[in-house]
Amino acid sequence: MSNLSLFDLTGKKALVTGGAMGIGRACATALAMGGADVAIIDLNEEAGEKAVETIKKMGKNAFFVRCDISSKEQIQDMMAAVIEQFGRLDIAINNAGFGIAPGGSETLEKDAWDKVIGVNLTGTFICAQAQAQQMIKQSPTGGKIINIASMYATIAGGNCAYNAAKAGVVHLTKTLAAEWGRFNINVNCFSPSWVMTPGMRSVPAEVLARMREVTPIGHIQRPEDIYGAVVYLASNASNFVTGHNLIVDGGHTLNTWLIPLERDIPPRVSPEEEPVEMKKDLDALSEPYDNNGGNT
């Protein structure tokens, strides 16, 4: 009989920023599948409440907290609300972010740069800091903090502000891991590829085809393709793993692909099967959603 108790999250208390849709919603779903209760942190109350309903249908406790992670005050209020409900915090996933910074680097306005850095990097740090403060003072001390980076932390395919922010998230993760290990806090991150989130709706079919062509696994990443990474980094299975950036990109960053990829057999997921979770996210909304091109 197999024993998967190392991955069991039953009784754990978790939060996910940007948890209403896309990658964040996938993270919240994975945690609930593992047995955790989950606080959904987001700006979109309607989608957030629908994510909460989904988790409750899985038999887990969940609730929504509205929070703008560019505001330290709102982050502090959010943490207070989570602890009031849960009493402690075992797992925190810092996913909230966005990707757009209009124009090329030679014309990028400072305000646009500041906004991208402020949410994706500074917001991640302030959230992690508040989470660690709670994990340090609770008993037993400790917990798991998981930051969402991007494959654009290691390759220069996005815009300069987003790339710099996500590269910063990776090194921030390493630094916090080095500092907070003494409190039994593991700090890791993972870097997804292009993910079938609502922001992918407007991507032309020929671009989607090219994404598949330069991904060895052969299909575009779906939100559920990060479930395993989330459960692993949140569970006891990763207790001796800290400061790590787990790249979950189907192999895209392995090569420059000067020679086209070939396939001997069909990929596990066909193009027709890719958008399933994206449609669920779209169904959660009453109005069109624009995540500004970000993948989180």
C-alpha atoms as a PDB file:
ATOM      1  CA  MET A   1       0.000   0.000   0.000  1.00  0.00           C
ATOM      2  CA  SER A   2       1.363   3.407  -0.925  1.00  0.00           C
ATOM      3  CA  ASN A   3       1.912   5.977   1.814  1.00  0.00           C
ATOM      4  CA  LEU A   4       1.626   9.612   0.714  1.00  0.00           C
ATOM      5  CA  SER A   5       1.435  11.092   4.214  1.00  0.00           C
ATOM      6  CA  LEU A   6       4.458  13.306   3.506  1.00  0.00           C
ATOM      7  CA  PHE A   7       2.228  15.270   1.122  1.00  0.00           C
ATOM      8  CA  ASP A   8      -0.795  15.443   3.436  1.00  0.00           C
ATOM      9  CA  LEU A   9      -1.867  19.011   4.254  1.00  0.00           C
ATOM     10  CA  THR A  10      -4.842  18.084   6.433  1.00  0.00           C
ATOM     11  CA  GLY A  11      -5.395  20.681   9.156  1.00  0.00           C
ATOM     12  CA  LYS A  12      -2.919  23.172   7.695  1.00  0.00           C
ATOM     13  CA  LYS A  13      -3.961  26.810   7.468  1.00  0.00           C
ATOM     14  CA  ALA A  14      -2.979  28.608   4.268  1.00  0.00           C
ATOM     15  CA  LEU A  15      -3.394  31.831   2.348  1.00  0.00           C
ATOM     16  CA  VAL A  16      -2.929  32.635  -1.333  1.00  0.00           C
ATOM     17  CA  THR A  17      -2.549  36.189  -2.608  1.00  0.00           C
ATOM     18  CA  GLY A  18      -4.077  36.713  -6.024  1.00  0.00           C
ATOM     19  CA  GLY A  19      -6.002  33.545  -5.263  1.00  0.00           C
ATOM     20  CA  ALA A  20      -9.234  34.332  -7.094  1.00  0.00           C
ATOM     21  CA  MET A  21      -8.143  33.377 -10.620  1.00  0.00           C
ATOM     22  CA  GLY A  22      -5.435  31.866 -12.763  1.00  0.00           C
ATOM     23  CA  ILE A  23      -2.308  30.562 -11.092  1.00  0.00           C
ATOM     24  CA  GLY A  24      -3.452  31.762  -7.684  1.00  0.00           C
ATOM     25  CA  ARG A  25      -6.731  29.890  -7.953  1.00  0.00           C
ATOM     26  CA  ALA A  26      -4.812  26.784  -9.016  1.00  0.00           C
ATOM     27  CA  CYS A  27      -2.569  27.149  -5.962  1.00  0.00           C
ATOM     28  CA  ALA A  28      -5.582  27.461  -3.672  1.00  0.00           C
ATOM     29  CA  THR A  29      -7.232  24.432  -5.298  1.00  0.00           C
ATOM     30  CA  ALA A  30      -4.069  22.344  -4.916  1.00  0.00           C
ATOM     31  CA  LEU A  31      -3.789  23.242  -1.226  1.00  0.00           C
ATOM     32  CA  ALA A  32      -7.424  22.300  -0.618  1.00  0.00           C
ATOM     33  CA  MET A  33      -6.948  19.036  -2.527  1.00  0.00           C
ATOM     34  CA  GLY A  34      -4.077  18.299  -0.145  1.00  0.00           C
ATOM     35  CA  GLY A  35      -6.314  18.927   2.856  1.00  0.00           C
ATOM     36  CA  ALA A  36      -5.586  22.542   3.812  1.00  0.00           C
ATOM     37  CA  ASP A  37      -8.023  25.305   4.706  1.00  0.00           C
ATOM     38  CA  VAL A  38      -7.391  28.329   2.486  1.00  0.00           C
ATOM     39  CA  ALA A  39      -7.856  32.100   2.714  1.00  0.00           C
ATOM     40  CA  ILE A  40      -8.305  33.667  -0.729  1.00  0.00           C
ATOM     41  CA  ILE A  41      -6.629  37.077  -0.898  1.00  0.00           C
ATOM     42  CA  ASP A  42      -7.461  39.222  -3.913  1.00  0.00           C
ATOM     43  CA  LEU A  43      -8.808  42.531  -5.201  1.00  0.00           C
ATOM     44  CA  ASN A  44     -11.653  40.892  -7.129  1.00  0.00           C
ATOM     45  CA  GLU A  45     -14.324  40.113  -4.549  1.00  0.00           C
ATOM     46  CA  GLU A  46     -16.744  38.439  -6.962  1.00  0.00           C
ATOM     47  CA  ALA A  47     -14.188  35.991  -8.334  1.00  0.00           C
ATOM     48  CA  GLY A  48     -12.691  35.540  -4.864  1.00  0.00           C
ATOM     49  CA  GLU A  49     -16.011  34.501  -3.352  1.00  0.00           C
ATOM     50  CA  LYS A  50     -16.546  32.004  -6.180  1.00  0.00           C
ATOM     51  CA  ALA A  51     -13.117  30.518  -5.488  1.00  0.00           C
ATOM     52  CA  VAL A  52     -14.124  30.248  -1.820  1.00  0.00           C
ATOM     53  CA  GLU A  53     -17.328  28.419  -2.805  1.00  0.00           C
ATOM     54  CA  THR A  54     -15.320  25.933  -4.857  1.00  0.00           C
ATOM     55  CA  ILE A  55     -13.006  25.149  -1.943  1.00  0.00           C
ATOM     56  CA  LYS A  56     -15.905  24.774   0.472  1.00  0.00           C
ATOM     57  CA  LYS A  57     -17.479  22.253  -1.899  1.00  0.00           C
ATOM     58  CA  MET A  58     -14.257  20.266  -1.479  1.00  0.00           C
ATOM     59  CA  GLY A  59     -15.024  20.062   2.248  1.00  0.00           C
ATOM     60  CA  LYS A  60     -12.414  22.580   3.371  1.00  0.00           C
ATOM     61  CA  ASN A  61     -12.794  25.874   5.210  1.00  0.00           C
ATOM     62  CA  ALA A  62     -12.226  28.985   3.093  1.00  0.00           C
ATOM     63  CA  PHE A  63     -12.941  32.696   3.168  1.00  0.00           C
ATOM     64  CA  PHE A  64     -12.135  35.803   1.156  1.00  0.00           C
ATOM     65  CA  VAL A  65     -10.133  38.872   2.169  1.00  0.00           C
ATOM     66  CA  ARG A  66      -9.841  41.865  -0.125  1.00  0.00           C
ATOM     67  CA  CYS A  67      -6.289  43.231  -0.169  1.00  0.00           C
ATOM     68  CA  ASP A  68      -4.084  45.411  -2.361  1.00  0.00           C
ATOM     69  CA  ILE A  69      -0.576  44.062  -1.765  1.00  0.00           C
ATOM     70  CA  SER A  70       0.990  47.368  -2.799  1.00  0.00           C
ATOM     71  CA  SER A  71      -0.295  48.715   0.556  1.00  0.00           C
ATOM     72  CA  LYS A  72       1.530  47.654   3.725  1.00  0.00           C
ATOM     73  CA  GLU A  73      -1.459  48.700   5.813  1.00  0.00           C
ATOM     74  CA  GLN A  74      -3.809  46.477   3.830  1.00  0.00           C
ATOM     75  CA  ILE A  75      -1.360  43.589   4.101  1.00  0.00           C
ATOM     76  CA  GLN A  76      -1.296  43.991   7.879  1.00  0.00           C
ATOM     77  CA  ASP A  77      -5.104  44.104   8.016  1.00  0.00           C
ATOM     78  CA  MET A  78      -5.273  41.038   5.787  1.00  0.00           C
ATOM     79  CA  MET A  79      -2.932  39.092   8.057  1.00  0.00           C
ATOM     80  CA  ALA A  80      -4.984  40.075  11.104  1.00  0.00           C
ATOM     81  CA  ALA A  81      -8.136  38.802   9.379  1.00  0.00           C
ATOM     82  CA  VAL A  82      -6.496  35.492   8.484  1.00  0.00           C
ATOM     83  CA  ILE A  83      -5.234  34.907  12.018  1.00  0.00           C
ATOM     84  CA  GLU A  84      -8.604  35.858  13.485  1.00  0.00           C
ATOM     85  CA  GLN A  85     -10.211  33.135  11.365  1.00  0.00           C
ATOM     86  CA  PHE A  86      -7.497  30.476  11.429  1.00  0.00           C
ATOM     87  CA  GLY A  87      -5.531  31.147  14.610  1.00  0.00           C
ATOM     88  CA  ARG A  88      -2.228  30.439  12.862  1.00  0.00           C
ATOM     89  CA  LEU A  89      -0.579  30.371   9.434  1.00  0.00           C
ATOM     90  CA  ASP A  90       1.204  27.280   8.141  1.00  0.00           C
ATOM     91  CA  ILE A  91       1.442  27.996   4.408  1.00  0.00           C
ATOM     92  CA  ALA A  92       1.570  31.273   2.493  1.00  0.00           C
ATOM     93  CA  ILE A  93       1.673  31.563  -1.280  1.00  0.00           C
ATOM     94  CA  ASN A  94       2.585  34.986  -2.657  1.00  0.00           C
ATOM     95  CA  ASN A  95       1.173  34.998  -6.155  1.00  0.00           C
ATOM     96  CA  ALA A  96      -0.446  38.416  -6.690  1.00  0.00           C
ATOM     97  CA  GLY A  97       1.180  40.329  -9.529  1.00  0.00           C
ATOM     98  CA  PHE A  98       0.836  41.638 -13.054  1.00  0.00           C
ATOM     99  CA  GLY A  99       3.093  41.970 -16.043  1.00  0.00           C
ATOM    100  CA  ILE A 100       2.496  44.971 -18.255  1.00  0.00           C
ATOM    101  CA  ALA A 101       4.873  47.915 -18.603  1.00  0.00           C
ATOM    102  CA  PRO A 102       3.878  49.632 -21.883  1.00  0.00           C
ATOM    103  CA  GLY A 103       6.465  50.251 -24.601  1.00  0.00           C
ATOM    104  CA  GLY A 104      10.097  49.323 -24.987  1.00  0.00           C
ATOM    105  CA  SER A 105      12.716  49.822 -22.303  1.00  0.00           C
ATOM    106  CA  GLU A 106      13.997  52.947 -24.062  1.00  0.00           C
ATOM    107  CA  THR A 107      10.630  54.677 -23.565  1.00  0.00           C
ATOM    108  CA  LEU A 108       9.396  53.010 -20.363  1.00  0.00           C
ATOM    109  CA  GLU A 109       8.015  55.577 -17.931  1.00  0.00           C
ATOM    110  CA  LYS A 110       9.266  55.503 -14.358  1.00  0.00           C
ATOM    111  CA  ASP A 111       5.718  55.324 -13.012  1.00  0.00           C
ATOM    112  CA  ALA A 112       5.096  52.124 -15.002  1.00  0.00           C
ATOM    113  CA  TRP A 113       8.399  50.652 -13.804  1.00  0.00           C
ATOM    114  CA  ASP A 114       7.593  51.552 -10.193  1.00  0.00           C
ATOM    115  CA  LYS A 115       4.143  49.959 -10.378  1.00  0.00           C
ATOM    116  CA  VAL A 116       5.425  46.641 -11.731  1.00  0.00           C
ATOM    117  CA  ILE A 117       8.297  46.483  -9.242  1.00  0.00           C
ATOM    118  CA  GLY A 118       6.052  47.712  -6.431  1.00  0.00           C
ATOM    119  CA  VAL A 119       3.497  44.937  -6.821  1.00  0.00           C
ATOM    120  CA  ASN A 120       5.573  41.991  -8.044  1.00  0.00           C
ATOM    121  CA  LEU A 121       8.686  42.450  -5.912  1.00  0.00           C
ATOM    122  CA  THR A 122       8.028  44.906  -3.085  1.00  0.00           C
ATOM    123  CA  GLY A 123       4.526  43.536  -2.509  1.00  0.00           C
ATOM    124  CA  THR A 124       5.909  40.006  -2.348  1.00  0.00           C
ATOM    125  CA  PHE A 125       8.491  41.077   0.217  1.00  0.00           C
ATOM    126  CA  ILE A 126       6.027  42.930   2.450  1.00  0.00           C
ATOM    127  CA  CYS A 127       3.659  39.962   2.352  1.00  0.00           C
ATOM    128  CA  ALA A 128       6.452  37.494   3.154  1.00  0.00           C
ATOM    129  CA  GLN A 129       7.673  39.710   5.986  1.00  0.00           C
ATOM    130  CA  ALA A 130       4.207  39.853   7.576  1.00  0.00           C
ATOM    131  CA  GLN A 131       3.767  36.099   7.120  1.00  0.00           C
ATOM    132  CA  ALA A 132       7.141  35.347   8.692  1.00  0.00           C
ATOM    133  CA  GLN A 133       6.375  37.582  11.673  1.00  0.00           C
ATOM    134  CA  GLN A 134       3.280  35.479  12.354  1.00  0.00           C
ATOM    135  CA  MET A 135       5.104  32.189  11.798  1.00  0.00           C
ATOM    136  CA  ILE A 136       7.849  33.247  14.203  1.00  0.00           C
ATOM    137  CA  LYS A 137       5.519  34.096  17.080  1.00  0.00           C
ATOM    138  CA  GLN A 138       3.103  31.172  16.779  1.00  0.00           C
ATOM    139  CA  SER A 139       3.549  27.808  18.462  1.00  0.00           C
ATOM    140  CA  PRO A 140       4.905  25.623  17.056  1.00  0.00           C
ATOM    141  CA  THR A 141       7.095  28.140  15.269  1.00  0.00           C
ATOM    142  CA  GLY A 142       7.578  27.796  11.524  1.00  0.00           C
ATOM    143  CA  GLY A 143       5.819  27.399   8.205  1.00  0.00           C
ATOM    144  CA  LYS A 144       6.158  27.348   4.441  1.00  0.00           C
ATOM    145  CA  ILE A 145       6.353  30.520   2.321  1.00  0.00           C
ATOM    146  CA  ILE A 146       6.104  30.027  -1.438  1.00  0.00           C
ATOM    147  CA  ASN A 147       6.672  32.925  -3.833  1.00  0.00           C
ATOM    148  CA  ILE A 148       5.622  32.824  -7.475  1.00  0.00           C
ATOM    149  CA  ALA A 149       8.427  33.834  -9.826  1.00  0.00           C
ATOM    150  CA  SER A 150       8.416  33.207 -13.593  1.00  0.00           C
ATOM    151  CA  MET A 151      10.509  31.664 -16.325  1.00  0.00           C
ATOM    152  CA  TYR A 152      11.173  35.319 -17.201  1.00  0.00           C
ATOM    153  CA  ALA A 153      13.307  35.477 -14.079  1.00  0.00           C
ATOM    154  CA  THR A 154      15.914  33.531 -16.055  1.00  0.00           C
ATOM    155  CA  ILE A 155      15.208  34.380 -19.709  1.00  0.00           C
ATOM    156  CA  ALA A 156      14.637  37.799 -21.278  1.00  0.00           C
ATOM    157  CA  GLY A 157      11.345  37.218 -23.024  1.00  0.00           C
ATOM    158  CA  GLY A 158       9.035  39.642 -21.251  1.00  0.00           C
ATOM    159  CA  ASN A 159       9.364  43.347 -20.546  1.00  0.00           C
ATOM    160  CA  CYS A 160      12.283  44.654 -18.517  1.00  0.00           C
ATOM    161  CA  ALA A 161      10.294  45.666 -15.429  1.00  0.00           C
ATOM    162  CA  TYR A 162       8.522  42.318 -15.092  1.00  0.00           C
ATOM    163  CA  ASN A 163      11.718  40.368 -15.766  1.00  0.00           C
ATOM    164  CA  ALA A 164      13.650  42.380 -13.184  1.00  0.00           C
ATOM    165  CA  ALA A 165      10.863  41.988 -10.620  1.00  0.00           C
ATOM    166  CA  LYS A 166      10.641  38.218 -11.048  1.00  0.00           C
ATOM    167  CA  ALA A 167      14.432  37.805 -11.004  1.00  0.00           C
ATOM    168  CA  GLY A 168      14.311  39.817  -7.799  1.00  0.00           C
ATOM    169  CA  VAL A 169      11.702  37.434  -6.391  1.00  0.00           C
ATOM    170  CA  VAL A 170      14.049  34.495  -6.961  1.00  0.00           C
ATOM    171  CA  HIS A 171      16.967  36.113  -5.150  1.00  0.00           C
ATOM    172  CA  LEU A 172      14.681  37.533  -2.461  1.00  0.00           C
ATOM    173  CA  THR A 173      13.476  33.977  -1.877  1.00  0.00           C
ATOM    174  CA  LYS A 174      17.046  32.734  -1.434  1.00  0.00           C
ATOM    175  CA  THR A 175      17.925  35.542   0.954  1.00  0.00           C
ATOM    176  CA  LEU A 176      14.830  35.089   3.120  1.00  0.00           C
ATOM    177  CA  ALA A 177      15.429  31.333   3.177  1.00  0.00           C
ATOM    178  CA  ALA A 178      18.959  31.897   4.451  1.00  0.00           C
ATOM    179  CA  GLU A 179      17.726  34.273   7.155  1.00  0.00           C
ATOM    180  CA  TRP A 180      14.580  32.513   8.327  1.00  0.00           C
ATOM    181  CA  GLY A 181      15.699  28.903   8.424  1.00  0.00           C
ATOM    182  CA  ARG A 182      16.507  29.450  12.085  1.00  0.00           C
ATOM    183  CA  PHE A 183      12.766  29.841  12.699  1.00  0.00           C
ATOM    184  CA  ASN A 184      11.874  26.612  10.830  1.00  0.00           C
ATOM    185  CA  ILE A 185      10.476  28.679   7.986  1.00  0.00           C
ATOM    186  CA  ASN A 186      11.104  27.291   4.502  1.00  0.00           C
ATOM    187  CA  VAL A 187      11.047  29.907   1.740  1.00  0.00           C
ATOM    188  CA  ASN A 188      10.903  28.644  -1.843  1.00  0.00           C
ATOM    189  CA  CYS A 189       9.530  29.786  -5.168  1.00  0.00           C
ATOM    190  CA  PHE A 190       8.509  28.268  -8.443  1.00  0.00           C
ATOM    191  CA  SER A 191       8.689  29.618 -11.966  1.00  0.00           C
ATOM    192  CA  PRO A 192       5.824  28.784 -14.323  1.00  0.00           C
ATOM    193  CA  SER A 193       5.779  29.132 -18.093  1.00  0.00           C
ATOM    194  CA  TRP A 194       2.968  30.656 -20.163  1.00  0.00           C
ATOM    195  CA  VAL A 195      -0.166  29.497 -18.374  1.00  0.00           C
ATOM    196  CA  MET A 196      -3.711  29.204 -19.712  1.00  0.00           C
ATOM    197  CA  THR A 197      -5.136  31.930 -17.478  1.00  0.00           C
ATOM    198  CA  PRO A 198      -7.778  34.532 -18.486  1.00  0.00           C
ATOM    199  CA  GLY A 199      -4.997  36.817 -19.708  1.00  0.00           C
ATOM    200  CA  MET A 200      -4.300  34.323 -22.506  1.00  0.00           C
ATOM    201  CA  ARG A 201      -7.674  34.868 -24.155  1.00  0.00           C
ATOM    202  CA  SER A 202      -6.332  37.439 -26.601  1.00  0.00           C
ATOM    203  CA  VAL A 203      -3.217  35.504 -27.680  1.00  0.00           C
ATOM    204  CA  PRO A 204      -3.446  34.702 -31.436  1.00  0.00           C
ATOM    205  CA  ALA A 205      -3.686  31.063 -32.468  1.00  0.00           C
ATOM    206  CA  GLU A 206      -0.363  31.204 -34.308  1.00  0.00           C
ATOM    207  CA  VAL A 207       1.391  32.398 -31.135  1.00  0.00           C
ATOM    208  CA  LEU A 208      -0.180  29.600 -29.113  1.00  0.00           C
ATOM    209  CA  ALA A 209       1.065  27.155 -31.750  1.00  0.00           C
ATOM    210  CA  ARG A 210       4.580  28.581 -31.437  1.00  0.00           C
ATOM    211  CA  MET A 211       4.435  28.186 -27.646  1.00  0.00           C
ATOM    212  CA  ARG A 212       3.736  24.501 -28.125  1.00  0.00           C
ATOM    213  CA  GLU A 213       6.557  24.209 -30.675  1.00  0.00           C
ATOM    214  CA  VAL A 214       9.192  25.475 -28.212  1.00  0.00           C
ATOM    215  CA  THR A 215       7.993  23.417 -25.236  1.00  0.00           C
ATOM    216  CA  PRO A 216       9.453  19.885 -25.082  1.00  0.00           C
ATOM    217  CA  ILE A 217       6.428  18.552 -23.181  1.00  0.00           C
ATOM    218  CA  GLY A 218       4.392  19.712 -26.174  1.00  0.00           C
ATOM    219  CA  HIS A 219       1.481  21.643 -24.737  1.00  0.00           C
ATOM    220  CA  ILE A 220       0.806  24.993 -23.108  1.00  0.00           C
ATOM    221  CA  GLN A 221       0.845  24.916 -19.338  1.00  0.00           C
ATOM    222  CA  ARG A 222      -2.542  24.691 -17.649  1.00  0.00           C
ATOM    223  CA  PRO A 223      -3.203  25.916 -14.089  1.00  0.00           C
ATOM    224  CA  GLU A 224      -3.530  22.308 -12.901  1.00  0.00           C
ATOM    225  CA  ASP A 225      -0.006  21.585 -14.151  1.00  0.00           C
ATOM    226  CA  ILE A 226       1.347  23.421 -11.096  1.00  0.00           C
ATOM    227  CA  TYR A 227      -0.664  21.408  -8.526  1.00  0.00           C
ATOM    228  CA  GLY A 228       2.207  19.030  -7.830  1.00  0.00           C
ATOM    229  CA  ALA A 229       4.751  21.802  -7.290  1.00  0.00           C
ATOM    230  CA  VAL A 230       2.416  23.565  -4.858  1.00  0.00           C
ATOM    231  CA  VAL A 231       1.669  20.490  -2.766  1.00  0.00           C
ATOM    232  CA  TYR A 232       5.326  19.470  -2.686  1.00  0.00           C
ATOM    233  CA  LEU A 233       6.621  22.869  -1.555  1.00  0.00           C
ATOM    234  CA  ALA A 234       3.796  23.274   0.985  1.00  0.00           C
ATOM    235  CA  SER A 235       4.116  19.812   2.537  1.00  0.00           C
ATOM    236  CA  ASN A 236       6.513  17.924   4.779  1.00  0.00           C
ATOM    237  CA  ALA A 237       7.977  16.339   1.659  1.00  0.00           C
ATOM    238  CA  SER A 238      10.013  19.535   1.158  1.00  0.00           C
ATOM    239  CA  ASN A 239      11.081  20.091   4.774  1.00  0.00           C
ATOM    240  CA  PHE A 240      14.774  20.060   3.825  1.00  0.00           C
ATOM    241  CA  VAL A 241      14.278  22.207   0.720  1.00  0.00           C
ATOM    242  CA  THR A 242      14.657  25.976   1.099  1.00  0.00           C
ATOM    243  CA  GLY A 243      15.824  28.818  -1.096  1.00  0.00           C
ATOM    244  CA  HIS A 244      14.960  26.812  -4.200  1.00  0.00           C
ATOM    245  CA  ASN A 245      13.427  28.035  -7.461  1.00  0.00           C
ATOM    246  CA  LEU A 246      11.471  25.126  -8.927  1.00  0.00           C
ATOM    247  CA  ILE A 247      11.111  25.725 -12.671  1.00  0.00           C
ATOM    248  CA  VAL A 248       7.786  24.346 -13.902  1.00  0.00           C
ATOM    249  CA  ASP A 249       7.867  25.246 -17.585  1.00  0.00           C
ATOM    250  CA  GLY A 250       7.579  22.040 -19.593  1.00  0.00           C
ATOM    251  CA  GLY A 251      11.240  22.372 -20.557  1.00  0.00           C
ATOM    252  CA  HIS A 252      10.938  25.676 -22.447  1.00  0.00           C
ATOM    253  CA  THR A 253      13.994  27.291 -20.825  1.00  0.00           C
ATOM    254  CA  LEU A 254      16.255  24.307 -21.520  1.00  0.00           C
ATOM    255  CA  ASN A 255      17.376  25.487 -24.953  1.00  0.00           C
ATOM    256  CA  THR A 256      17.224  28.282 -27.527  1.00  0.00           C
ATOM    257  CA  TRP A 257      15.555  25.891 -29.987  1.00  0.00           C
ATOM    258  CA  LEU A 258      17.614  26.779 -33.051  1.00  0.00           C
ATOM    259  CA  ILE A 259      16.747  23.299 -34.256  1.00  0.00           C
ATOM    260  CA  PRO A 260      12.970  22.768 -34.227  1.00  0.00           C
ATOM    261  CA  LEU A 261      11.635  20.274 -31.709  1.00  0.00           C
ATOM    262  CA  GLU A 262      10.279  17.003 -33.007  1.00  0.00           C
ATOM    263  CA  ARG A 263       7.728  14.660 -31.452  1.00  0.00           C
ATOM    264  CA  ASP A 264       7.499  10.890 -31.823  1.00  0.00           C
ATOM    265  CA  ILE A 265       4.142  10.619 -30.054  1.00  0.00           C
ATOM    266  CA  PRO A 266       1.336  13.104 -29.289  1.00  0.00           C
ATOM    267  CA  PRO A 267       1.711  15.203 -26.118  1.00  0.00           C
ATOM    268  CA  ARG A 268      -0.252  14.213 -23.036  1.00  0.00           C
ATOM    269  CA  VAL A 269      -2.550  17.213 -23.535  1.00  0.00           C
ATOM    270  CA  SER A 270      -4.026  18.212 -26.891  1.00  0.00           C
ATOM    271  CA  PRO A 271      -4.649  21.862 -27.866  1.00  0.00           C
ATOM    272  CA  GLU A 272      -8.380  21.236 -27.401  1.00  0.00           C
ATOM    273  CA  GLU A 273      -7.806  20.143 -23.801  1.00  0.00           C
ATOM    274  CA  GLU A 274      -5.608  23.080 -22.766  1.00  0.00           C
ATOM    275  CA  PRO A 275      -8.226  25.771 -22.004  1.00  0.00           C
ATOM    276  CA  VAL A 276     -10.390  23.773 -19.565  1.00  0.00           C
ATOM    277  CA  GLU A 277      -9.259  25.509 -16.380  1.00  0.00           C
ATOM    278  CA  MET A 278      -9.079  28.886 -18.125  1.00  0.00           C
ATOM    279  CA  LYS A 279     -12.772  28.598 -18.962  1.00  0.00           C
ATOM    280  CA  LYS A 280     -13.539  27.927 -15.299  1.00  0.00           C
ATOM    281  CA  ASP A 281     -11.764  31.154 -14.412  1.00  0.00           C
ATOM    282  CA  LEU A 282     -13.681  33.050 -17.080  1.00  0.00           C
ATOM    283  CA  ASP A 283     -16.948  31.600 -15.828  1.00  0.00           C
ATOM    284  CA  ALA A 284     -16.142  33.048 -12.407  1.00  0.00           C
ATOM    285  CA  LEU A 285     -16.424  36.577 -13.788  1.00  0.00           C
ATOM    286  CA  SER A 286     -19.407  38.704 -14.679  1.00  0.00           C
ATOM    287  CA  GLU A 287     -17.279  41.175 -16.617  1.00  0.00           C
ATOM    288  CA  PRO A 288     -14.282  40.728 -18.961  1.00  0.00           C
ATOM    289  CA  TYR A 289     -11.039  40.308 -17.037  1.00  0.00           C
ATOM    290  CA  ASP A 290      -7.713  41.885 -17.922  1.00  0.00           C
ATOM    291  CA  ASN A 291      -4.701  40.784 -15.942  1.00  0.00           C
ATOM    292  CA  ASN A 292      -2.489  43.189 -17.872  1.00  0.00           C
ATOM    293  CA  GLY A 293      -0.587  40.398 -19.550  1.00  0.00           C
ATOM    294  CA  GLY A 294       0.812  38.914 -16.378  1.00  0.00           C
ATOM    295  CA  ASN A 295       0.956  35.203 -15.766  1.00  0.00           C
ATOM    296  CA  THR A 296       0.036  35.318 -12.103  1.00  0.00           C
END
